[in-house]
Every structure is written in C-alpha cells, then in structure tokens.
Amino acid sequence: MNQIRKAPGLIYAELNGELKKWKGNGQTMTVWDGKQMPNFRNHNTHDFAMKFFTWIIHRKNTKNYYLTYSANETIPSVAEVKDILRQFGKFYDGGVLARKAAPPDFGEDKKSS
C-alpha cells in the first residue's frame, strides 16, 4: 500500500479482508484518474509482486476475481464491490480461468483486466 499511495493518478485505495491461518478473504480496491492504472499495474513493485505471489494467489483452493471498469464517478462500498466482482469479474477457480470479465456498463468506456 505504501508504494501504491505514491503512484501518479491514484485517487483512492483501500485494502481490507480477514485472514486466519491461511484462510479468509482479501480485497484491494483502487480508483484511478483516467488510464494511469495500467502503468502502475504492469510495472515496478506491483508487477514484481504479482509475478512473485502468483503461486499463492492462484493455488488450487483459492477463488479470485479481477475487474477494471469505469464507475461513472461513483466509488462503491466494500459490499457493493464484492457483488460487482462476483457478477462481472474475471474469475479464477483454483488457478484456472472459469469466466472472463464482462464489466458493467455505467455509460462510459469500459475495459476488463
């Protein structure tokens, strides 16, 4: 989180979750100005972390959702984010892609990740 807070174009970042004995859930939500998020996501610390922690993130007993979309100037709550991810996000079940992202259409450009 320290590195992401320094990223150009970041408007909002939140990390929350509940982990107990390697079980639980975690969620990172970021809000970016325009198209600056891919530059952070694909370079430097985040890129290294994603490559290094892939073995943890995509284990056989994990379920992962990823989604990038235009939120029409509204930042959803944590509960809303969970619902949006489950409905529209790219979904990996046990490290295997089970569904591609189908971002919600809030009337602006959209892009799945």
N, C-alpha and C. Protein backbone atom coordinates (compact mmCIF):
# COMPACT_ATOMS: atom_id res chain seq x y z
N MET A 1 0.83 -1.20 0.00
CA MET A 1 0.00 0.00 0.00
C MET A 1 0.87 1.26 0.00
N ASN A 2 2.04 1.21 0.61
CA ASN A 2 2.89 2.39 0.62
C ASN A 2 3.29 2.80 -0.79
N GLN A 3 3.64 1.81 -1.61
CA GLN A 3 4.05 2.10 -2.99
C GLN A 3 2.89 2.63 -3.81
N ILE A 4 1.73 2.05 -3.67
CA ILE A 4 0.59 2.47 -4.48
C ILE A 4 0.15 3.89 -4.13
N ARG A 5 0.29 4.29 -2.89
CA ARG A 5 -0.13 5.64 -2.49
C ARG A 5 0.71 6.71 -3.17
N LYS A 6 1.89 6.36 -3.65
CA LYS A 6 2.78 7.30 -4.34
C LYS A 6 2.54 7.31 -5.85
N ALA A 7 1.69 6.45 -6.35
CA ALA A 7 1.50 6.30 -7.79
C ALA A 7 0.77 7.49 -8.39
N PRO A 8 1.28 8.03 -9.49
CA PRO A 8 0.59 9.13 -10.17
C PRO A 8 -0.79 8.68 -10.66
N GLY A 9 -1.78 9.50 -10.47
CA GLY A 9 -3.12 9.20 -10.96
C GLY A 9 -4.01 8.47 -9.98
N LEU A 10 -3.46 8.03 -8.84
CA LEU A 10 -4.28 7.33 -7.85
C LEU A 10 -5.19 8.32 -7.14
N ILE A 11 -6.46 8.03 -7.09
CA ILE A 11 -7.44 8.87 -6.40
C ILE A 11 -7.79 8.26 -5.05
N TYR A 12 -7.94 6.94 -5.01
CA TYR A 12 -8.40 6.27 -3.78
C TYR A 12 -7.85 4.85 -3.75
N ALA A 13 -7.46 4.37 -2.58
CA ALA A 13 -7.01 2.98 -2.42
C ALA A 13 -7.50 2.45 -1.08
N GLU A 14 -7.97 1.22 -1.10
CA GLU A 14 -8.46 0.58 0.13
C GLU A 14 -8.08 -0.89 0.09
N LEU A 15 -7.59 -1.38 1.21
CA LEU A 15 -7.25 -2.79 1.37
C LEU A 15 -8.00 -3.28 2.59
N ASN A 16 -8.75 -4.36 2.44
CA ASN A 16 -9.43 -4.92 3.60
C ASN A 16 -9.55 -6.42 3.43
N GLY A 17 -9.85 -7.09 4.51
CA GLY A 17 -10.00 -8.54 4.46
C GLY A 17 -9.89 -9.14 5.84
N GLU A 18 -10.02 -10.44 5.86
CA GLU A 18 -9.93 -11.18 7.11
C GLU A 18 -9.20 -12.49 6.81
N LEU A 19 -8.02 -12.61 7.38
CA LEU A 19 -7.22 -13.81 7.16
C LEU A 19 -6.93 -14.48 8.50
N LYS A 20 -7.20 -15.78 8.56
CA LYS A 20 -6.92 -16.56 9.76
C LYS A 20 -6.33 -17.90 9.31
N LYS A 21 -5.12 -18.15 9.76
CA LYS A 21 -4.46 -19.42 9.46
C LYS A 21 -4.53 -19.76 7.97
N TRP A 22 -4.12 -18.85 7.11
CA TRP A 22 -4.06 -19.03 5.67
C TRP A 22 -5.43 -19.20 5.03
N LYS A 23 -6.50 -18.84 5.74
CA LYS A 23 -7.84 -18.90 5.16
C LYS A 23 -8.49 -17.55 5.33
N GLY A 24 -9.42 -17.24 4.49
CA GLY A 24 -10.15 -15.98 4.62
C GLY A 24 -10.29 -15.29 3.28
N ASN A 25 -10.43 -13.98 3.33
CA ASN A 25 -10.60 -13.23 2.09
C ASN A 25 -9.85 -11.91 2.20
N GLY A 26 -9.53 -11.36 1.07
CA GLY A 26 -8.86 -10.07 0.99
C GLY A 26 -9.31 -9.35 -0.25
N GLN A 27 -9.28 -8.04 -0.18
CA GLN A 27 -9.76 -7.25 -1.31
C GLN A 27 -8.96 -5.96 -1.39
N THR A 28 -8.51 -5.63 -2.57
CA THR A 28 -7.87 -4.35 -2.83
C THR A 28 -8.73 -3.61 -3.84
N MET A 29 -9.08 -2.38 -3.52
CA MET A 29 -9.86 -1.56 -4.44
C MET A 29 -9.10 -0.26 -4.66
N THR A 30 -8.90 0.09 -5.92
CA THR A 30 -8.25 1.35 -6.25
C THR A 30 -9.10 2.12 -7.24
N VAL A 31 -9.00 3.43 -7.18
CA VAL A 31 -9.70 4.32 -8.11
C VAL A 31 -8.63 5.21 -8.72
N TRP A 32 -8.63 5.25 -10.06
CA TRP A 32 -7.58 5.95 -10.79
C TRP A 32 -8.16 7.04 -11.68
N ASP A 33 -7.33 8.03 -11.93
CA ASP A 33 -7.66 9.10 -12.86
C ASP A 33 -7.30 8.63 -14.27
N GLY A 34 -8.31 8.47 -15.08
CA GLY A 34 -8.07 8.09 -16.47
C GLY A 34 -7.42 6.74 -16.65
N LYS A 35 -6.44 6.68 -17.52
CA LYS A 35 -5.82 5.41 -17.91
C LYS A 35 -4.46 5.21 -17.24
N GLN A 36 -4.25 5.75 -16.05
CA GLN A 36 -2.95 5.65 -15.41
C GLN A 36 -2.76 4.36 -14.61
N MET A 37 -3.82 3.63 -14.33
CA MET A 37 -3.70 2.40 -13.56
C MET A 37 -2.87 1.32 -14.25
N PRO A 38 -3.03 1.09 -15.57
CA PRO A 38 -2.21 0.03 -16.19
C PRO A 38 -0.71 0.28 -16.05
N ASN A 39 -0.29 1.52 -16.06
CA ASN A 39 1.13 1.80 -15.90
C ASN A 39 1.63 1.33 -14.53
N PHE A 40 0.85 1.55 -13.49
CA PHE A 40 1.24 1.06 -12.16
C PHE A 40 1.13 -0.46 -12.09
N ARG A 41 0.03 -1.00 -12.59
CA ARG A 41 -0.23 -2.44 -12.50
C ARG A 41 0.83 -3.26 -13.22
N ASN A 42 1.34 -2.77 -14.33
CA ASN A 42 2.23 -3.55 -15.18
C ASN A 42 3.72 -3.25 -14.99
N HIS A 43 4.06 -2.43 -14.02
CA HIS A 43 5.45 -2.06 -13.83
C HIS A 43 5.83 -2.04 -12.36
N ASN A 44 7.13 -1.96 -12.13
CA ASN A 44 7.72 -1.74 -10.81
C ASN A 44 7.25 -2.73 -9.75
N THR A 45 6.93 -2.22 -8.56
CA THR A 45 6.64 -3.06 -7.41
C THR A 45 5.44 -3.97 -7.61
N HIS A 46 4.36 -3.46 -8.19
CA HIS A 46 3.15 -4.27 -8.36
C HIS A 46 3.40 -5.41 -9.33
N ASP A 47 4.07 -5.13 -10.43
CA ASP A 47 4.38 -6.17 -11.40
C ASP A 47 5.22 -7.27 -10.76
N PHE A 48 6.23 -6.88 -9.99
CA PHE A 48 7.07 -7.85 -9.29
C PHE A 48 6.24 -8.68 -8.30
N ALA A 49 5.39 -8.00 -7.52
CA ALA A 49 4.57 -8.71 -6.52
C ALA A 49 3.63 -9.70 -7.19
N MET A 50 3.01 -9.33 -8.28
CA MET A 50 2.09 -10.23 -8.97
C MET A 50 2.83 -11.46 -9.50
N LYS A 51 4.01 -11.27 -10.03
CA LYS A 51 4.79 -12.41 -10.52
C LYS A 51 5.26 -13.30 -9.37
N PHE A 52 5.72 -12.67 -8.30
CA PHE A 52 6.25 -13.41 -7.16
C PHE A 52 5.16 -14.17 -6.41
N PHE A 53 3.99 -13.54 -6.22
CA PHE A 53 2.94 -14.15 -5.40
C PHE A 53 1.90 -14.94 -6.20
N THR A 54 2.12 -15.12 -7.49
CA THR A 54 1.17 -15.89 -8.30
C THR A 54 0.93 -17.27 -7.71
N TRP A 55 1.96 -17.90 -7.19
CA TRP A 55 1.80 -19.25 -6.62
C TRP A 55 0.87 -19.23 -5.42
N ILE A 56 0.75 -18.13 -4.71
CA ILE A 56 -0.17 -18.02 -3.58
C ILE A 56 -1.56 -17.66 -4.07
N ILE A 57 -1.61 -16.69 -4.95
CA ILE A 57 -2.90 -16.16 -5.42
C ILE A 57 -3.68 -17.21 -6.20
N HIS A 58 -2.99 -18.03 -6.96
CA HIS A 58 -3.68 -19.00 -7.81
C HIS A 58 -3.46 -20.45 -7.37
N ARG A 59 -3.54 -20.71 -6.07
CA ARG A 59 -3.46 -22.08 -5.57
C ARG A 59 -4.74 -22.83 -5.88
N LYS A 60 -4.69 -24.14 -5.72
CA LYS A 60 -5.85 -24.97 -6.08
C LYS A 60 -7.07 -24.72 -5.20
N ASN A 61 -6.89 -24.14 -4.02
CA ASN A 61 -8.03 -23.93 -3.13
C ASN A 61 -8.44 -22.45 -3.04
N THR A 62 -8.05 -21.63 -4.03
CA THR A 62 -8.41 -20.22 -4.00
C THR A 62 -9.41 -19.87 -5.09
N LYS A 63 -10.13 -18.81 -4.84
CA LYS A 63 -11.06 -18.24 -5.82
C LYS A 63 -10.69 -16.77 -5.93
N ASN A 64 -10.45 -16.29 -7.17
CA ASN A 64 -10.00 -14.92 -7.39
C ASN A 64 -10.87 -14.23 -8.43
N TYR A 65 -11.12 -12.98 -8.18
CA TYR A 65 -11.86 -12.14 -9.11
C TYR A 65 -11.02 -10.92 -9.44
N TYR A 66 -11.05 -10.49 -10.70
CA TYR A 66 -10.36 -9.28 -11.15
C TYR A 66 -11.31 -8.51 -12.04
N LEU A 67 -11.32 -7.19 -11.89
CA LEU A 67 -12.20 -6.38 -12.72
C LEU A 67 -11.71 -4.95 -12.77
N THR A 68 -11.67 -4.39 -13.98
CA THR A 68 -11.40 -2.98 -14.19
C THR A 68 -12.57 -2.43 -14.99
N TYR A 69 -13.15 -1.34 -14.50
CA TYR A 69 -14.26 -0.73 -15.23
C TYR A 69 -14.42 0.73 -14.83
N SER A 70 -15.13 1.48 -15.65
CA SER A 70 -15.43 2.87 -15.34
C SER A 70 -16.64 2.90 -14.42
N ALA A 71 -16.49 3.59 -13.29
CA ALA A 71 -17.55 3.60 -12.28
C ALA A 71 -18.43 4.83 -12.35
N ASN A 72 -18.29 5.62 -13.41
CA ASN A 72 -19.16 6.78 -13.60
C ASN A 72 -19.12 7.74 -12.42
N GLU A 73 -17.88 8.02 -11.95
CA GLU A 73 -17.62 8.97 -10.86
C GLU A 73 -18.22 8.57 -9.51
N THR A 74 -18.48 7.29 -9.32
CA THR A 74 -19.01 6.80 -8.05
C THR A 74 -18.08 5.73 -7.50
N ILE A 75 -17.68 5.86 -6.25
CA ILE A 75 -16.86 4.84 -5.61
C ILE A 75 -17.79 3.94 -4.82
N PRO A 76 -17.89 2.65 -5.20
CA PRO A 76 -18.80 1.74 -4.49
C PRO A 76 -18.28 1.38 -3.10
N SER A 77 -19.18 0.94 -2.25
CA SER A 77 -18.80 0.46 -0.92
C SER A 77 -18.16 -0.91 -1.05
N VAL A 78 -17.55 -1.39 0.04
CA VAL A 78 -16.92 -2.71 0.04
C VAL A 78 -17.95 -3.79 -0.32
N ALA A 79 -19.14 -3.71 0.25
CA ALA A 79 -20.19 -4.70 -0.04
C ALA A 79 -20.59 -4.64 -1.52
N GLU A 80 -20.70 -3.44 -2.07
CA GLU A 80 -21.06 -3.30 -3.49
C GLU A 80 -19.96 -3.86 -4.38
N VAL A 81 -18.71 -3.63 -3.99
CA VAL A 81 -17.59 -4.15 -4.77
C VAL A 81 -17.63 -5.68 -4.82
N LYS A 82 -17.88 -6.31 -3.70
CA LYS A 82 -17.97 -7.78 -3.67
C LYS A 82 -19.04 -8.28 -4.63
N ASP A 83 -20.20 -7.64 -4.63
CA ASP A 83 -21.28 -8.04 -5.53
C ASP A 83 -20.91 -7.80 -6.99
N ILE A 84 -20.31 -6.65 -7.27
CA ILE A 84 -19.90 -6.33 -8.65
C ILE A 84 -18.86 -7.33 -9.14
N LEU A 85 -17.88 -7.65 -8.29
CA LEU A 85 -16.85 -8.63 -8.68
C LEU A 85 -17.44 -10.00 -8.97
N ARG A 86 -18.30 -10.47 -8.08
CA ARG A 86 -18.90 -11.80 -8.28
C ARG A 86 -19.76 -11.86 -9.52
N GLN A 87 -20.39 -10.77 -9.86
CA GLN A 87 -21.28 -10.75 -11.02
C GLN A 87 -20.54 -10.53 -12.34
N PHE A 88 -19.54 -9.64 -12.34
CA PHE A 88 -18.92 -9.21 -13.59
C PHE A 88 -17.44 -9.54 -13.74
N GLY A 89 -16.75 -9.88 -12.66
CA GLY A 89 -15.30 -10.02 -12.70
C GLY A 89 -14.78 -11.26 -13.40
N LYS A 90 -13.52 -11.14 -13.85
CA LYS A 90 -12.80 -12.30 -14.35
C LYS A 90 -12.64 -13.22 -13.15
N PHE A 91 -12.96 -14.50 -13.31
CA PHE A 91 -12.99 -15.41 -12.16
C PHE A 91 -12.06 -16.59 -12.39
N TYR A 92 -11.16 -16.79 -11.42
CA TYR A 92 -10.28 -17.94 -11.40
C TYR A 92 -10.69 -18.84 -10.25
N ASP A 93 -10.91 -20.11 -10.54
CA ASP A 93 -11.24 -21.09 -9.52
C ASP A 93 -10.11 -22.09 -9.46
N GLY A 94 -9.38 -22.09 -8.36
CA GLY A 94 -8.23 -22.99 -8.23
C GLY A 94 -7.13 -22.70 -9.22
N GLY A 95 -6.97 -21.45 -9.59
CA GLY A 95 -5.92 -21.06 -10.54
C GLY A 95 -6.30 -21.25 -11.99
N VAL A 96 -7.50 -21.72 -12.27
CA VAL A 96 -7.95 -21.95 -13.64
C VAL A 96 -9.01 -20.91 -14.00
N LEU A 97 -8.84 -20.27 -15.15
CA LEU A 97 -9.82 -19.29 -15.59
C LEU A 97 -11.16 -19.96 -15.80
N ALA A 98 -12.17 -19.55 -15.02
CA ALA A 98 -13.50 -20.13 -15.12
C ALA A 98 -14.46 -19.21 -15.89
N ARG A 99 -14.15 -17.89 -15.90
CA ARG A 99 -15.03 -16.94 -16.60
C ARG A 99 -14.24 -15.67 -16.90
N LYS A 100 -14.43 -15.15 -18.10
CA LYS A 100 -13.83 -13.88 -18.47
C LYS A 100 -14.65 -12.75 -17.89
N ALA A 101 -14.03 -11.59 -17.76
CA ALA A 101 -14.73 -10.42 -17.22
C ALA A 101 -15.75 -9.89 -18.23
N ALA A 102 -16.85 -9.41 -17.72
CA ALA A 102 -17.88 -8.75 -18.51
C ALA A 102 -18.28 -7.49 -17.73
N PRO A 103 -17.43 -6.44 -17.80
CA PRO A 103 -17.63 -5.26 -16.95
C PRO A 103 -19.02 -4.65 -17.09
N PRO A 104 -19.54 -4.12 -15.99
CA PRO A 104 -20.85 -3.46 -16.04
C PRO A 104 -20.76 -2.21 -16.90
N ASP A 105 -21.83 -1.85 -17.54
CA ASP A 105 -21.88 -0.66 -18.39
C ASP A 105 -22.58 0.46 -17.62
N PHE A 106 -21.79 1.40 -17.15
CA PHE A 106 -22.34 2.56 -16.45
C PHE A 106 -22.37 3.77 -17.36
N GLY A 107 -22.34 3.54 -18.68
CA GLY A 107 -22.44 4.62 -19.63
C GLY A 107 -21.12 5.24 -20.02
N GLU A 108 -20.00 4.65 -19.64
CA GLU A 108 -18.69 5.17 -20.01
C GLU A 108 -17.87 4.05 -20.62
N ASP A 109 -16.66 4.40 -21.12
CA ASP A 109 -15.76 3.38 -21.66
C ASP A 109 -15.48 2.35 -20.58
N LYS A 110 -15.32 1.13 -21.02
CA LYS A 110 -15.01 0.07 -20.05
C LYS A 110 -13.90 -0.80 -20.60
N LYS A 111 -13.17 -1.44 -19.70
CA LYS A 111 -12.06 -2.31 -20.08
C LYS A 111 -11.92 -3.38 -19.03
N SER A 112 -11.87 -4.64 -19.43
CA SER A 112 -11.67 -5.72 -18.46
C SER A 112 -10.19 -5.93 -18.28
N SER A 113 -9.85 -6.49 -17.12
CA SER A 113 -8.44 -6.81 -16.87
C SER A 113 -8.32 -8.21 -16.36
